[in-house]
Amino acid sequence: MAPRTQSLLTPREAAGMLNISYPTIKQWILSGKISTLPTPGGHHRIAASTLKPFLKREEEAAPVRSRERYRKVSGRNQLVGKVIEIKIDGLMAKVVVAIGDQRITSIITSDAVREMQLKRGDTAAALVKSTDVMIELV
């Protein structure tokens, strides 16, 4: 089996995962608070593993939420994370939610994205039922 290559993120993707602004992550990069890998073109790429300490702090700081609302949905496999990507193409939309260093991708209607006012940086739950993944704003 081939070794798994490390996931590299652009500064914008990393900022989205951490729910911080692009200028903030650029400051962190320039001050050395977060390490990057340079591309041949001189751009910064951030290893997903580099974000783990920042994600852990955010999880520890997050208030404990009641699971009462989850009892209103039949699906029990509910994974809470941050929306890191939304791509709308016609009637459908691709939504990517980062849960720790993992990603869940869901294809939902573009109307659902608009009705939910879903955007990058939102906290959302991926509801997994068999092969279907639904997105719920948290």
C-alpha atoms as a PDB file:
ATOM      1  CA  MET A   1       0.000   0.000   0.000  1.00  0.00           C
ATOM      2  CA  ALA A   2       1.364   3.418  -0.951  1.00  0.00           C
ATOM      3  CA  PRO A   3       2.011   5.902   1.885  1.00  0.00           C
ATOM      4  CA  ARG A   4      -0.722   8.493   2.345  1.00  0.00           C
ATOM      5  CA  THR A   5       0.289  11.910   1.110  1.00  0.00           C
ATOM      6  CA  GLN A   6      -0.282  14.748   3.514  1.00  0.00           C
ATOM      7  CA  SER A   7      -3.200  17.052   2.728  1.00  0.00           C
ATOM      8  CA  LEU A   8      -1.995  20.559   1.932  1.00  0.00           C
ATOM      9  CA  LEU A   9      -4.320  23.532   2.195  1.00  0.00           C
ATOM     10  CA  THR A  10      -4.196  27.019   0.782  1.00  0.00           C
ATOM     11  CA  PRO A  11      -4.182  29.786   3.391  1.00  0.00           C
ATOM     12  CA  ARG A  12      -7.839  30.547   2.500  1.00  0.00           C
ATOM     13  CA  GLU A  13      -8.860  26.918   3.062  1.00  0.00           C
ATOM     14  CA  ALA A  14      -6.999  26.815   6.373  1.00  0.00           C
ATOM     15  CA  ALA A  15      -8.593  30.104   7.458  1.00  0.00           C
ATOM     16  CA  GLY A  16     -12.015  28.638   6.635  1.00  0.00           C
ATOM     17  CA  MET A  17     -11.324  25.531   8.709  1.00  0.00           C
ATOM     18  CA  LEU A  18     -10.214  27.654  11.665  1.00  0.00           C
ATOM     19  CA  ASN A  19     -13.068  30.135  11.195  1.00  0.00           C
ATOM     20  CA  ILE A  20     -10.636  33.050  11.005  1.00  0.00           C
ATOM     21  CA  SER A  21     -10.106  35.694   8.332  1.00  0.00           C
ATOM     22  CA  TYR A  22      -7.610  35.417   5.495  1.00  0.00           C
ATOM     23  CA  PRO A  23      -5.638  38.464   6.774  1.00  0.00           C
ATOM     24  CA  THR A  24      -5.373  36.789  10.196  1.00  0.00           C
ATOM     25  CA  ILE A  25      -3.897  33.588   8.811  1.00  0.00           C
ATOM     26  CA  LYS A  26      -1.478  35.615   6.661  1.00  0.00           C
ATOM     27  CA  GLN A  27      -0.326  37.393   9.845  1.00  0.00           C
ATOM     28  CA  TRP A  28       0.125  34.024  11.558  1.00  0.00           C
ATOM     29  CA  ILE A  29       2.187  32.764   8.611  1.00  0.00           C
ATOM     30  CA  LEU A  30       4.385  35.854   8.478  1.00  0.00           C
ATOM     31  CA  SER A  31       4.904  35.888  12.265  1.00  0.00           C
ATOM     32  CA  GLY A  32       5.762  32.167  12.349  1.00  0.00           C
ATOM     33  CA  LYS A  33       2.742  31.212  14.500  1.00  0.00           C
ATOM     34  CA  ILE A  34       1.819  28.632  11.850  1.00  0.00           C
ATOM     35  CA  SER A  35       4.311  26.852   9.620  1.00  0.00           C
ATOM     36  CA  THR A  36       3.892  26.463   5.871  1.00  0.00           C
ATOM     37  CA  LEU A  37       5.457  24.639   2.976  1.00  0.00           C
ATOM     38  CA  PRO A  38       6.442  26.757  -0.040  1.00  0.00           C
ATOM     39  CA  THR A  39       5.280  25.853  -3.540  1.00  0.00           C
ATOM     40  CA  PRO A  40       7.688  26.188  -6.485  1.00  0.00           C
ATOM     41  CA  GLY A  41       5.902  29.475  -7.240  1.00  0.00           C
ATOM     42  CA  GLY A  42       6.544  30.804  -3.719  1.00  0.00           C
ATOM     43  CA  HIS A  43       3.006  30.376  -2.390  1.00  0.00           C
ATOM     44  CA  HIS A  44       2.227  29.072   1.088  1.00  0.00           C
ATOM     45  CA  ARG A  45       0.620  25.669   1.686  1.00  0.00           C
ATOM     46  CA  ILE A  46      -0.364  24.495   5.132  1.00  0.00           C
ATOM     47  CA  ALA A  47      -0.332  20.851   6.180  1.00  0.00           C
ATOM     48  CA  ALA A  48      -3.720  19.834   7.578  1.00  0.00           C
ATOM     49  CA  SER A  49      -1.910  18.287  10.551  1.00  0.00           C
ATOM     50  CA  THR A  50      -0.521  21.756  11.426  1.00  0.00           C
ATOM     51  CA  LEU A  51      -4.072  22.918  12.174  1.00  0.00           C
ATOM     52  CA  LYS A  52      -4.824  20.189  14.748  1.00  0.00           C
ATOM     53  CA  PRO A  53      -3.686  22.201  17.808  1.00  0.00           C
ATOM     54  CA  PHE A  54      -5.807  25.184  16.706  1.00  0.00           C
ATOM     55  CA  LEU A  55      -8.840  22.978  16.007  1.00  0.00           C
ATOM     56  CA  LYS A  56      -8.463  21.273  19.393  1.00  0.00           C
ATOM     57  CA  ARG A  57      -8.452  24.646  21.178  1.00  0.00           C
ATOM     58  CA  GLU A  58     -11.617  25.653  19.339  1.00  0.00           C
ATOM     59  CA  GLU A  59     -13.339  22.372  20.262  1.00  0.00           C
ATOM     60  CA  GLU A  60     -12.370  22.819  23.924  1.00  0.00           C
ATOM     61  CA  ALA A  61     -13.671  26.395  23.902  1.00  0.00           C
ATOM     62  CA  ALA A  62     -16.967  25.509  22.188  1.00  0.00           C
ATOM     63  CA  PRO A  63     -19.962  25.360  24.522  1.00  0.00           C
ATOM     64  CA  VAL A  64     -21.459  21.949  25.149  1.00  0.00           C
ATOM     65  CA  ARG A  65     -24.603  21.783  23.059  1.00  0.00           C
ATOM     66  CA  SER A  66     -27.749  19.931  23.985  1.00  0.00           C
ATOM     67  CA  ARG A  67     -28.369  16.800  21.945  1.00  0.00           C
ATOM     68  CA  GLU A  68     -32.112  17.451  22.273  1.00  0.00           C
ATOM     69  CA  ARG A  69     -32.348  18.828  18.728  1.00  0.00           C
ATOM     70  CA  TYR A  70     -30.738  15.660  17.349  1.00  0.00           C
ATOM     71  CA  ARG A  71     -33.669  13.620  18.614  1.00  0.00           C
ATOM     72  CA  LYS A  72     -35.855  15.411  16.058  1.00  0.00           C
ATOM     73  CA  VAL A  73     -33.948  13.784  13.168  1.00  0.00           C
ATOM     74  CA  SER A  74     -33.958  10.037  12.533  1.00  0.00           C
ATOM     75  CA  GLY A  75     -30.293   9.891  11.443  1.00  0.00           C
ATOM     76  CA  ARG A  76     -27.977   9.217  14.388  1.00  0.00           C
ATOM     77  CA  ASN A  77     -24.646   9.575  12.594  1.00  0.00           C
ATOM     78  CA  GLN A  78     -24.270  13.350  12.926  1.00  0.00           C
ATOM     79  CA  LEU A  79     -20.814  14.831  12.521  1.00  0.00           C
ATOM     80  CA  VAL A  80     -20.357  18.497  13.498  1.00  0.00           C
ATOM     81  CA  GLY A  81     -17.693  20.528  11.728  1.00  0.00           C
ATOM     82  CA  LYS A  82     -16.939  23.683   9.749  1.00  0.00           C
ATOM     83  CA  VAL A  83     -18.062  24.371   6.189  1.00  0.00           C
ATOM     84  CA  ILE A  84     -14.850  24.872   4.199  1.00  0.00           C
ATOM     85  CA  GLU A  85     -16.162  24.833   0.640  1.00  0.00           C
ATOM     86  CA  ILE A  86     -19.405  25.536  -1.216  1.00  0.00           C
ATOM     87  CA  LYS A  87     -19.581  25.238  -4.983  1.00  0.00           C
ATOM     88  CA  ILE A  88     -22.919  25.941  -6.670  1.00  0.00           C
ATOM     89  CA  ASP A  89     -23.422  24.702 -10.228  1.00  0.00           C
ATOM     90  CA  GLY A  90     -26.928  25.116 -11.587  1.00  0.00           C
ATOM     91  CA  LEU A  91     -29.475  23.154  -9.543  1.00  0.00           C
ATOM     92  CA  MET A  92     -26.886  21.357  -7.391  1.00  0.00           C
ATOM     93  CA  ALA A  93     -24.272  22.416  -4.853  1.00  0.00           C
ATOM     94  CA  LYS A  94     -21.196  20.702  -3.428  1.00  0.00           C
ATOM     95  CA  VAL A  95     -20.696  21.344   0.293  1.00  0.00           C
ATOM     96  CA  VAL A  96     -17.523  20.233   2.082  1.00  0.00           C
ATOM     97  CA  VAL A  97     -17.507  20.069   5.885  1.00  0.00           C
ATOM     98  CA  ALA A  98     -14.236  19.645   7.817  1.00  0.00           C
ATOM     99  CA  ILE A  99     -14.540  17.519  10.936  1.00  0.00           C
ATOM    100  CA  GLY A 100     -11.161  17.672  12.636  1.00  0.00           C
ATOM    101  CA  ASP A 101      -8.712  16.725   9.895  1.00  0.00           C
ATOM    102  CA  GLN A 102     -11.356  14.778   7.947  1.00  0.00           C
ATOM    103  CA  ARG A 103     -13.709  16.083   5.255  1.00  0.00           C
ATOM    104  CA  ILE A 104     -17.257  15.103   4.363  1.00  0.00           C
ATOM    105  CA  THR A 105     -18.602  16.111   0.956  1.00  0.00           C
ATOM    106  CA  SER A 106     -22.318  16.379   0.295  1.00  0.00           C
ATOM    107  CA  ILE A 107     -24.204  17.132  -2.900  1.00  0.00           C
ATOM    108  CA  ILE A 108     -27.395  19.044  -2.094  1.00  0.00           C
ATOM    109  CA  THR A 109     -29.636  21.386  -4.066  1.00  0.00           C
ATOM    110  CA  SER A 110     -28.473  24.941  -4.619  1.00  0.00           C
ATOM    111  CA  ASP A 111     -31.893  26.026  -3.300  1.00  0.00           C
ATOM    112  CA  ALA A 112     -31.106  24.319   0.028  1.00  0.00           C
ATOM    113  CA  VAL A 113     -27.788  26.194   0.278  1.00  0.00           C
ATOM    114  CA  ARG A 114     -29.570  29.494  -0.361  1.00  0.00           C
ATOM    115  CA  GLU A 115     -32.487  28.776   1.997  1.00  0.00           C
ATOM    116  CA  MET A 116     -30.096  27.806   4.784  1.00  0.00           C
ATOM    117  CA  GLN A 117     -27.911  30.835   3.977  1.00  0.00           C
ATOM    118  CA  LEU A 118     -25.037  28.369   4.229  1.00  0.00           C
ATOM    119  CA  LYS A 119     -21.576  29.901   3.903  1.00  0.00           C
ATOM    120  CA  ARG A 120     -17.935  29.038   4.458  1.00  0.00           C
ATOM    121  CA  GLY A 121     -16.981  29.110   8.120  1.00  0.00           C
ATOM    122  CA  ASP A 122     -20.454  28.083   9.350  1.00  0.00           C
ATOM    123  CA  THR A 123     -20.672  25.330  11.939  1.00  0.00           C
ATOM    124  CA  ALA A 124     -22.790  22.572  10.434  1.00  0.00           C
ATOM    125  CA  ALA A 125     -23.625  18.942  11.051  1.00  0.00           C
ATOM    126  CA  ALA A 126     -23.251  16.317   8.347  1.00  0.00           C
ATOM    127  CA  LEU A 127     -26.099  13.870   8.871  1.00  0.00           C
ATOM    128  CA  VAL A 128     -25.072  10.482   7.502  1.00  0.00           C
ATOM    129  CA  LYS A 129     -27.768   7.996   6.578  1.00  0.00           C
ATOM    130  CA  SER A 130     -26.588   5.069   4.472  1.00  0.00           C
ATOM    131  CA  THR A 131     -25.002   6.707   1.399  1.00  0.00           C
ATOM    132  CA  ASP A 132     -26.775  10.058   1.791  1.00  0.00           C
ATOM    133  CA  VAL A 133     -25.265  13.026   3.617  1.00  0.00           C
ATOM    134  CA  MET A 134     -27.484  15.957   4.557  1.00  0.00           C
ATOM    135  CA  ILE A 135     -26.257  19.321   5.863  1.00  0.00           C
ATOM    136  CA  GLU A 136     -27.850  21.074   8.852  1.00  0.00           C
ATOM    137  CA  LEU A 137     -26.870  24.494  10.182  1.00  0.00           C
ATOM    138  CA  VAL A 138     -25.887  24.307  13.831  1.00  0.00           C
END
